[in-house]
Every structure is written in C-alpha cells, then in structure tokens.
Amino acid sequence: MSYVFDTNAFSALFKSYYRKRFPSLWAEFDHLIATGEIVSTREVLRELEGYSNDELNNWCKNNGTVFSTPTAVEGAFVAKIYRVQHFQQNIERTKLLKGGNNADPFVIAKAASMAGSVVTLEKPKPNAVKVPNICIHFGISCMSLEEFMEAESWSF
C-alpha cells in the first residue's frame, strides 16, 4: 500500500514521537520512506517549511525526494476537485487574497493517481470541505495516523 502524507500527519509525528523515545517507530517509518511507500507532494513541503521544528525541517531537507512535483494527471485531478462547487470552499479566502499554500487538493490528487491512501489528522464532518470529505466523494482511501499504524500492524 502507498500512503500520501498530509502536512498535519508529518507534523504530528515529529511533534509527538521523538526519535530518541520511539526508535522502533522511526525504524519502521524510515523503511517505508526508503521503499517509497510513504510519499507526499511539493505543496506539503512548502507548508512544512513554515513550521518551527528543527528536527522536521532537517528531515525535510534530507528527504526531499518524498515531496514530488505534481504531475499533469495530478493537476487534472485537482481541477476535477474544484469543478465541484462545494469543494471550492477548500481554498481559504485569506489564501486567495494574500497568497499561501494549500496542499490538500494535491495530496488527494497524488493518492488518486497512485491508488494510495491519504494519511491526515482531519476528520470528516457533515457538509465540510475537509480532506476526508473530498476523499469520500471521489472514493479515495483516507485514514488517520493511528489507522495508518494499524494498517501497517505497528505495535510499540
């Protein structure tokens, strides 16, 4: 299975699971990174660059290949997402006015293009435009960080 990590999933890992305290978790995670089973997008990297976590920032610099540039297929899927009028609300007004990063549609498009699963901390809400809601609409697998660990049979 391939997993496409959202910004908040990376952030939660680096914020809550210190490498020195959870070495077996990080060994498993690093293995999935090395085998290409965990991937993400350039837009997630851009969002992570704004985080003030030195370990996360250093990891991103050393693992740049995880964050691929969107392909034409992924770009077309992003357009498909925004053809649904309700999902146009996913672009926050302040980001439209001031500029900013919006990785959500690119994470979803990456997962759709590779028949992978999105890993995010967002939860579906009725009538919302959250990542899980969009995934449900398009039939894309979406799971929490804990569900990802369960899918991999991790136990520490």
N, C-alpha and C. Protein backbone atom coordinates (compact mmCIF):
# COMPACT_ATOMS: atom_id res chain seq x y z
N MET A 1 0.84 -1.18 0.00
CA MET A 1 0.00 0.00 0.00
C MET A 1 0.89 1.24 0.00
N SER A 2 0.47 2.23 -0.74
CA SER A 2 1.17 3.51 -0.75
C SER A 2 0.37 4.52 0.08
N TYR A 3 1.09 5.35 0.81
CA TYR A 3 0.48 6.34 1.67
C TYR A 3 0.94 7.73 1.25
N VAL A 4 0.00 8.64 1.16
CA VAL A 4 0.32 10.03 0.84
C VAL A 4 0.06 10.85 2.10
N PHE A 5 1.12 11.34 2.70
CA PHE A 5 1.01 12.05 3.97
C PHE A 5 0.65 13.51 3.76
N ASP A 6 -0.33 13.94 4.55
CA ASP A 6 -0.73 15.34 4.62
C ASP A 6 0.23 16.06 5.57
N THR A 7 0.25 17.36 5.50
CA THR A 7 1.12 18.18 6.33
C THR A 7 0.96 17.86 7.82
N ASN A 8 -0.29 17.77 8.26
CA ASN A 8 -0.54 17.57 9.69
C ASN A 8 -0.07 16.20 10.18
N ALA A 9 -0.03 15.21 9.32
CA ALA A 9 0.45 13.88 9.72
C ALA A 9 1.96 13.91 9.98
N PHE A 10 2.70 14.58 9.09
CA PHE A 10 4.15 14.73 9.33
C PHE A 10 4.38 15.53 10.61
N SER A 11 3.65 16.62 10.76
CA SER A 11 3.81 17.47 11.93
C SER A 11 3.56 16.70 13.22
N ALA A 12 2.49 15.93 13.25
CA ALA A 12 2.16 15.16 14.46
C ALA A 12 3.24 14.14 14.79
N LEU A 13 3.78 13.48 13.79
CA LEU A 13 4.85 12.51 14.04
C LEU A 13 6.05 13.17 14.69
N PHE A 14 6.48 14.29 14.11
CA PHE A 14 7.69 14.94 14.61
C PHE A 14 7.45 15.68 15.92
N LYS A 15 6.22 16.06 16.19
CA LYS A 15 5.91 16.78 17.42
C LYS A 15 5.70 15.84 18.60
N SER A 16 5.15 14.67 18.34
CA SER A 16 4.74 13.79 19.43
C SER A 16 5.57 12.51 19.59
N TYR A 17 6.27 12.11 18.55
CA TYR A 17 7.01 10.84 18.60
C TYR A 17 8.50 11.12 18.40
N TYR A 18 9.16 11.47 19.49
CA TYR A 18 10.58 11.82 19.42
C TYR A 18 11.40 10.61 19.00
N ARG A 19 12.34 10.83 18.12
CA ARG A 19 13.18 9.73 17.62
C ARG A 19 13.88 8.97 18.73
N LYS A 20 14.37 9.68 19.72
CA LYS A 20 15.12 9.02 20.79
C LYS A 20 14.19 8.19 21.69
N ARG A 21 12.95 8.51 21.76
CA ARG A 21 12.00 7.80 22.63
C ARG A 21 11.23 6.71 21.89
N PHE A 22 11.14 6.81 20.58
CA PHE A 22 10.37 5.85 19.77
C PHE A 22 11.22 5.31 18.62
N PRO A 23 12.37 4.73 18.91
CA PRO A 23 13.27 4.30 17.83
C PRO A 23 12.67 3.24 16.92
N SER A 24 11.87 2.34 17.46
CA SER A 24 11.30 1.29 16.60
C SER A 24 10.25 1.87 15.65
N LEU A 25 9.49 2.86 16.10
CA LEU A 25 8.54 3.53 15.21
C LEU A 25 9.29 4.18 14.06
N TRP A 26 10.36 4.89 14.38
CA TRP A 26 11.11 5.59 13.34
C TRP A 26 11.84 4.63 12.41
N ALA A 27 12.25 3.49 12.91
CA ALA A 27 12.86 2.48 12.02
C ALA A 27 11.84 2.02 10.99
N GLU A 28 10.62 1.76 11.44
CA GLU A 28 9.55 1.35 10.52
C GLU A 28 9.21 2.47 9.54
N PHE A 29 9.08 3.68 10.05
CA PHE A 29 8.76 4.83 9.21
C PHE A 29 9.85 5.04 8.16
N ASP A 30 11.09 5.04 8.59
CA ASP A 30 12.21 5.23 7.67
C ASP A 30 12.25 4.15 6.59
N HIS A 31 11.89 2.92 6.97
CA HIS A 31 11.84 1.84 5.99
C HIS A 31 10.78 2.13 4.92
N LEU A 32 9.60 2.60 5.33
CA LEU A 32 8.54 2.92 4.36
C LEU A 32 8.92 4.11 3.48
N ILE A 33 9.68 5.02 4.03
CA ILE A 33 10.19 6.15 3.23
C ILE A 33 11.18 5.61 2.19
N ALA A 34 12.11 4.77 2.63
CA ALA A 34 13.14 4.23 1.74
C ALA A 34 12.55 3.40 0.61
N THR A 35 11.47 2.69 0.89
CA THR A 35 10.85 1.85 -0.14
C THR A 35 9.84 2.61 -0.99
N GLY A 36 9.64 3.88 -0.69
CA GLY A 36 8.73 4.70 -1.48
C GLY A 36 7.26 4.47 -1.16
N GLU A 37 6.98 3.81 -0.05
CA GLU A 37 5.59 3.55 0.30
C GLU A 37 4.94 4.75 0.99
N ILE A 38 5.75 5.64 1.55
CA ILE A 38 5.25 6.92 2.06
C ILE A 38 5.77 8.00 1.14
N VAL A 39 4.84 8.78 0.61
CA VAL A 39 5.19 9.88 -0.28
C VAL A 39 4.35 11.09 0.10
N SER A 40 4.63 12.20 -0.55
CA SER A 40 3.84 13.40 -0.37
C SER A 40 4.04 14.29 -1.59
N THR A 41 3.70 15.56 -1.43
CA THR A 41 3.80 16.47 -2.56
C THR A 41 4.64 17.70 -2.19
N ARG A 42 5.08 18.37 -3.22
CA ARG A 42 5.85 19.60 -3.05
C ARG A 42 5.08 20.64 -2.22
N GLU A 43 3.76 20.66 -2.38
CA GLU A 43 2.93 21.62 -1.66
C GLU A 43 2.95 21.35 -0.15
N VAL A 44 3.02 20.09 0.24
CA VAL A 44 3.16 19.76 1.67
C VAL A 44 4.51 20.26 2.17
N LEU A 45 5.55 20.06 1.39
CA LEU A 45 6.86 20.55 1.78
C LEU A 45 6.83 22.06 1.99
N ARG A 46 6.16 22.77 1.12
CA ARG A 46 6.06 24.23 1.26
C ARG A 46 5.33 24.60 2.55
N GLU A 47 4.30 23.86 2.91
CA GLU A 47 3.61 24.13 4.17
C GLU A 47 4.52 23.81 5.36
N LEU A 48 5.26 22.71 5.28
CA LEU A 48 6.13 22.32 6.39
C LEU A 48 7.27 23.31 6.59
N GLU A 49 7.68 23.99 5.54
CA GLU A 49 8.77 24.96 5.66
C GLU A 49 8.40 26.09 6.62
N GLY A 50 7.13 26.30 6.88
CA GLY A 50 6.70 27.33 7.81
C GLY A 50 6.66 26.87 9.25
N TYR A 51 6.96 25.61 9.52
CA TYR A 51 6.93 25.07 10.88
C TYR A 51 8.25 25.34 11.57
N SER A 52 8.18 25.62 12.86
CA SER A 52 9.41 25.89 13.62
C SER A 52 9.82 24.65 14.42
N ASN A 53 10.10 23.59 13.69
CA ASN A 53 10.56 22.35 14.30
C ASN A 53 11.85 21.96 13.58
N ASP A 54 12.96 22.13 14.26
CA ASP A 54 14.27 21.89 13.63
C ASP A 54 14.43 20.47 13.14
N GLU A 55 13.97 19.50 13.93
CA GLU A 55 14.11 18.10 13.50
C GLU A 55 13.31 17.84 12.23
N LEU A 56 12.10 18.35 12.18
CA LEU A 56 11.26 18.20 10.99
C LEU A 56 11.88 18.92 9.80
N ASN A 57 12.36 20.13 10.01
CA ASN A 57 12.98 20.89 8.91
C ASN A 57 14.21 20.17 8.37
N ASN A 58 15.05 19.64 9.25
CA ASN A 58 16.23 18.90 8.81
C ASN A 58 15.84 17.63 8.07
N TRP A 59 14.81 16.94 8.58
CA TRP A 59 14.35 15.72 7.93
C TRP A 59 13.87 16.04 6.51
N CYS A 60 13.11 17.11 6.37
CA CYS A 60 12.61 17.50 5.04
C CYS A 60 13.77 17.78 4.08
N LYS A 61 14.79 18.47 4.56
CA LYS A 61 15.95 18.77 3.71
C LYS A 61 16.64 17.49 3.26
N ASN A 62 16.71 16.50 4.14
CA ASN A 62 17.40 15.25 3.82
C ASN A 62 16.53 14.24 3.08
N ASN A 63 15.24 14.51 2.96
CA ASN A 63 14.32 13.58 2.32
C ASN A 63 13.46 14.27 1.26
N GLY A 64 14.07 15.15 0.53
CA GLY A 64 13.35 15.94 -0.48
C GLY A 64 12.65 15.11 -1.53
N THR A 65 13.14 13.91 -1.81
CA THR A 65 12.53 13.08 -2.85
C THR A 65 11.14 12.59 -2.47
N VAL A 66 10.80 12.67 -1.18
CA VAL A 66 9.47 12.26 -0.72
C VAL A 66 8.41 13.21 -1.29
N PHE A 67 8.81 14.47 -1.53
CA PHE A 67 7.88 15.53 -1.90
C PHE A 67 7.97 15.82 -3.40
N SER A 68 7.20 15.08 -4.17
CA SER A 68 7.28 15.18 -5.62
C SER A 68 6.49 16.37 -6.17
N THR A 69 6.92 16.82 -7.32
CA THR A 69 6.20 17.86 -8.06
C THR A 69 4.97 17.22 -8.67
N PRO A 70 3.81 17.88 -8.59
CA PRO A 70 2.60 17.30 -9.17
C PRO A 70 2.74 17.02 -10.66
N THR A 71 2.21 15.90 -11.07
CA THR A 71 2.21 15.52 -12.48
C THR A 71 1.01 16.15 -13.18
N ALA A 72 0.98 16.02 -14.49
CA ALA A 72 -0.18 16.52 -15.26
C ALA A 72 -1.45 15.79 -14.85
N VAL A 73 -1.34 14.50 -14.58
CA VAL A 73 -2.50 13.72 -14.13
C VAL A 73 -3.01 14.25 -12.80
N GLU A 74 -2.10 14.54 -11.89
CA GLU A 74 -2.49 15.08 -10.59
C GLU A 74 -3.10 16.47 -10.74
N GLY A 75 -2.53 17.29 -11.60
CA GLY A 75 -3.08 18.62 -11.85
C GLY A 75 -4.49 18.55 -12.40
N ALA A 76 -4.72 17.60 -13.29
CA ALA A 76 -6.07 17.41 -13.84
C ALA A 76 -7.04 16.97 -12.74
N PHE A 77 -6.56 16.17 -11.80
CA PHE A 77 -7.45 15.74 -10.71
C PHE A 77 -7.75 16.90 -9.77
N VAL A 78 -6.79 17.77 -9.53
CA VAL A 78 -7.05 18.96 -8.73
C VAL A 78 -8.16 19.78 -9.38
N ALA A 79 -8.09 19.94 -10.70
CA ALA A 79 -9.14 20.66 -11.43
C ALA A 79 -10.49 19.95 -11.26
N LYS A 80 -10.48 18.63 -11.28
CA LYS A 80 -11.71 17.85 -11.10
C LYS A 80 -12.31 18.11 -9.71
N ILE A 81 -11.46 18.21 -8.70
CA ILE A 81 -11.94 18.50 -7.35
C ILE A 81 -12.66 19.84 -7.34
N TYR A 82 -12.04 20.85 -7.94
CA TYR A 82 -12.60 22.20 -7.88
C TYR A 82 -13.74 22.44 -8.88
N ARG A 83 -14.00 21.47 -9.73
CA ARG A 83 -15.21 21.57 -10.56
C ARG A 83 -16.46 21.31 -9.71
N VAL A 84 -16.28 20.69 -8.56
CA VAL A 84 -17.38 20.51 -7.62
C VAL A 84 -17.48 21.81 -6.82
N GLN A 85 -18.53 22.56 -7.04
CA GLN A 85 -18.65 23.90 -6.47
C GLN A 85 -18.44 23.90 -4.95
N HIS A 86 -19.01 22.95 -4.27
CA HIS A 86 -18.89 22.88 -2.81
C HIS A 86 -17.42 22.81 -2.38
N PHE A 87 -16.59 22.12 -3.13
CA PHE A 87 -15.19 21.95 -2.76
C PHE A 87 -14.35 23.19 -3.03
N GLN A 88 -14.89 24.14 -3.77
CA GLN A 88 -14.17 25.39 -3.99
C GLN A 88 -13.96 26.15 -2.69
N GLN A 89 -14.76 25.84 -1.68
CA GLN A 89 -14.61 26.47 -0.37
C GLN A 89 -13.35 25.99 0.33
N ASN A 90 -12.73 24.94 -0.18
CA ASN A 90 -11.50 24.42 0.40
C ASN A 90 -10.37 25.44 0.32
N ILE A 91 -10.46 26.33 -0.64
CA ILE A 91 -9.44 27.37 -0.76
C ILE A 91 -9.85 28.51 0.17
N GLU A 92 -9.12 28.67 1.22
CA GLU A 92 -9.45 29.69 2.21
C GLU A 92 -9.34 31.08 1.60
N ARG A 93 -10.29 31.92 1.94
CA ARG A 93 -10.35 33.27 1.39
C ARG A 93 -9.05 34.04 1.62
N THR A 94 -8.45 33.93 2.80
CA THR A 94 -7.23 34.66 3.08
C THR A 94 -6.08 34.20 2.17
N LYS A 95 -6.07 32.91 1.84
CA LYS A 95 -5.03 32.41 0.94
C LYS A 95 -5.22 32.97 -0.47
N LEU A 96 -6.48 33.15 -0.86
CA LEU A 96 -6.74 33.74 -2.17
C LEU A 96 -6.30 35.20 -2.21
N LEU A 97 -6.56 35.92 -1.13
CA LEU A 97 -6.25 37.34 -1.10
C LEU A 97 -4.78 37.63 -0.86
N LYS A 98 -4.16 36.89 0.03
CA LYS A 98 -2.78 37.16 0.42
C LYS A 98 -1.77 36.19 -0.17
N GLY A 99 -2.26 35.14 -0.78
CA GLY A 99 -1.37 34.09 -1.25
C GLY A 99 -1.07 33.13 -0.12
N GLY A 100 -0.77 31.93 -0.44
CA GLY A 100 -0.49 30.95 0.60
C GLY A 100 -0.53 29.56 0.02
N ASN A 101 -0.17 28.62 0.84
CA ASN A 101 -0.11 27.23 0.40
C ASN A 101 -1.42 26.52 0.70
N ASN A 102 -1.80 25.64 -0.20
CA ASN A 102 -2.98 24.80 0.00
C ASN A 102 -2.67 23.43 -0.56
N ALA A 103 -2.11 22.59 0.28
CA ALA A 103 -1.66 21.27 -0.16
C ALA A 103 -2.79 20.27 -0.31
N ASP A 104 -3.92 20.50 0.34
CA ASP A 104 -4.99 19.50 0.39
C ASP A 104 -5.34 18.87 -0.95
N PRO A 105 -5.68 19.66 -1.97
CA PRO A 105 -6.09 19.02 -3.23
C PRO A 105 -4.96 18.23 -3.89
N PHE A 106 -3.72 18.65 -3.67
CA PHE A 106 -2.58 17.96 -4.27
C PHE A 106 -2.31 16.63 -3.58
N VAL A 107 -2.52 16.59 -2.27
CA VAL A 107 -2.38 15.34 -1.52
C VAL A 107 -3.42 14.33 -2.01
N ILE A 108 -4.65 14.81 -2.15
CA ILE A 108 -5.74 13.95 -2.62
C ILE A 108 -5.47 13.47 -4.05
N ALA A 109 -5.04 14.38 -4.90
CA ALA A 109 -4.76 14.03 -6.30
C ALA A 109 -3.62 13.01 -6.40
N LYS A 110 -2.60 13.17 -5.56
CA LYS A 110 -1.49 12.21 -5.55
C LYS A 110 -1.99 10.82 -5.18
N ALA A 111 -2.82 10.75 -4.13
CA ALA A 111 -3.37 9.45 -3.72
C ALA A 111 -4.24 8.86 -4.82
N ALA A 112 -5.04 9.68 -5.47
CA ALA A 112 -5.90 9.19 -6.55
C ALA A 112 -5.07 8.65 -7.71
N SER A 113 -3.99 9.32 -8.05
CA SER A 113 -3.18 8.93 -9.20
C SER A 113 -2.42 7.62 -8.98
N MET A 114 -2.18 7.27 -7.73
CA MET A 114 -1.41 6.06 -7.44
C MET A 114 -2.21 5.01 -6.68
N ALA A 115 -3.53 5.22 -6.61
CA ALA A 115 -4.42 4.31 -5.87
C ALA A 115 -3.89 4.09 -4.45
N GLY A 116 -3.42 5.18 -3.85
CA GLY A 116 -2.91 5.13 -2.49
C GLY A 116 -3.93 5.62 -1.50
N SER A 117 -3.48 5.79 -0.28
CA SER A 117 -4.34 6.24 0.80
C SER A 117 -3.78 7.53 1.39
N VAL A 118 -4.66 8.50 1.60
CA VAL A 118 -4.27 9.74 2.25
C VAL A 118 -4.16 9.49 3.75
N VAL A 119 -3.12 10.02 4.37
CA VAL A 119 -2.97 9.96 5.82
C VAL A 119 -3.05 11.40 6.33
N THR A 120 -4.08 11.68 7.11
CA THR A 120 -4.33 13.03 7.61
C THR A 120 -4.91 12.97 9.01
N LEU A 121 -4.80 14.08 9.73
CA LEU A 121 -5.41 14.17 11.04
C LEU A 121 -6.82 14.74 10.96
N GLU A 122 -7.20 15.24 9.79
CA GLU A 122 -8.54 15.79 9.63
C GLU A 122 -9.57 14.67 9.72
N LYS A 123 -10.74 15.03 10.22
CA LYS A 123 -11.84 14.08 10.34
C LYS A 123 -12.99 14.57 9.48
N PRO A 124 -13.75 13.64 8.89
CA PRO A 124 -14.89 14.08 8.07
C PRO A 124 -15.96 14.73 8.94
N LYS A 125 -16.56 15.77 8.40
CA LYS A 125 -17.66 16.45 9.08
C LYS A 125 -18.77 16.65 8.06
N PRO A 126 -20.01 16.58 8.49
CA PRO A 126 -21.12 16.78 7.55
C PRO A 126 -21.00 18.11 6.82
N ASN A 127 -21.15 18.06 5.51
CA ASN A 127 -21.14 19.24 4.63
C ASN A 127 -19.84 20.04 4.66
N ALA A 128 -18.76 19.45 5.13
CA ALA A 128 -17.48 20.14 5.20
C ALA A 128 -16.68 19.94 3.91
N VAL A 129 -15.62 20.69 3.80
CA VAL A 129 -14.72 20.55 2.65
C VAL A 129 -13.33 20.10 3.12
N LYS A 130 -13.32 19.26 4.13
CA LYS A 130 -12.09 18.72 4.67
C LYS A 130 -11.57 17.61 3.75
N VAL A 131 -10.29 17.28 3.90
CA VAL A 131 -9.67 16.23 3.09
C VAL A 131 -10.48 14.94 3.10
N PRO A 132 -10.91 14.43 4.27
CA PRO A 132 -11.67 13.18 4.25
C PRO A 132 -12.99 13.28 3.47
N ASN A 133 -13.65 14.43 3.55
CA ASN A 133 -14.90 14.61 2.81
C ASN A 133 -14.67 14.53 1.30
N ILE A 134 -13.61 15.16 0.85
CA ILE A 134 -13.29 15.13 -0.58
C ILE A 134 -12.90 13.72 -1.00
N CYS A 135 -12.12 13.04 -0.16
CA CYS A 135 -11.73 11.66 -0.46
C CYS A 135 -12.97 10.77 -0.56
N ILE A 136 -13.89 10.90 0.36
CA ILE A 136 -15.12 10.10 0.33
C ILE A 136 -15.87 10.36 -0.97
N HIS A 137 -15.98 11.61 -1.36
CA HIS A 137 -16.70 11.96 -2.58
C HIS A 137 -16.12 11.25 -3.81
N PHE A 138 -14.80 11.17 -3.86
CA PHE A 138 -14.13 10.58 -5.03
C PHE A 138 -13.73 9.12 -4.83
N GLY A 139 -14.09 8.53 -3.71
CA GLY A 139 -13.79 7.11 -3.48
C GLY A 139 -12.31 6.84 -3.25
N ILE A 140 -11.63 7.75 -2.60
CA ILE A 140 -10.19 7.61 -2.31
C ILE A 140 -10.03 7.21 -0.85
N SER A 141 -9.18 6.25 -0.60
CA SER A 141 -8.92 5.81 0.76
C SER A 141 -8.30 6.94 1.57
N CYS A 142 -8.77 7.09 2.81
CA CYS A 142 -8.28 8.14 3.69
C CYS A 142 -8.27 7.59 5.10
N MET A 143 -7.19 7.84 5.83
CA MET A 143 -7.07 7.30 7.19
C MET A 143 -6.34 8.27 8.09
N SER A 144 -6.53 8.07 9.38
CA SER A 144 -5.82 8.84 10.39
C SER A 144 -4.41 8.28 10.56
N LEU A 145 -3.60 8.98 11.33
CA LEU A 145 -2.25 8.50 11.62
C LEU A 145 -2.31 7.17 12.38
N GLU A 146 -3.23 7.07 13.33
CA GLU A 146 -3.38 5.81 14.07
C GLU A 146 -3.84 4.68 13.15
N GLU A 147 -4.77 4.96 12.25
CA GLU A 147 -5.23 3.93 11.31
C GLU A 147 -4.10 3.49 10.38
N PHE A 148 -3.23 4.43 10.01
CA PHE A 148 -2.04 4.10 9.22
C PHE A 148 -1.17 3.11 9.99
N MET A 149 -0.94 3.39 11.28
CA MET A 149 -0.11 2.49 12.09
C MET A 149 -0.77 1.13 12.23
N GLU A 150 -2.09 1.10 12.36
CA GLU A 150 -2.82 -0.16 12.43
C GLU A 150 -2.71 -0.92 11.12
N ALA A 151 -2.83 -0.21 9.99
CA ALA A 151 -2.73 -0.84 8.67
C ALA A 151 -1.38 -1.51 8.47
N GLU A 152 -0.36 -0.91 9.07
CA GLU A 152 1.00 -1.45 8.97
C GLU A 152 1.30 -2.46 10.09
N SER A 153 0.31 -2.72 10.95
CA SER A 153 0.47 -3.64 12.09
C SER A 153 1.58 -3.22 13.04
N TRP A 154 1.71 -1.92 13.24
CA TRP A 154 2.71 -1.42 14.16
C TRP A 154 2.19 -1.52 15.59
N SER A 155 3.03 -1.95 16.47
CA SER A 155 2.72 -2.00 17.89
C SER A 155 4.02 -1.73 18.63
N PHE A 156 4.02 -0.79 19.52
CA PHE A 156 5.25 -0.43 20.21
C PHE A 156 5.07 -0.48 21.71
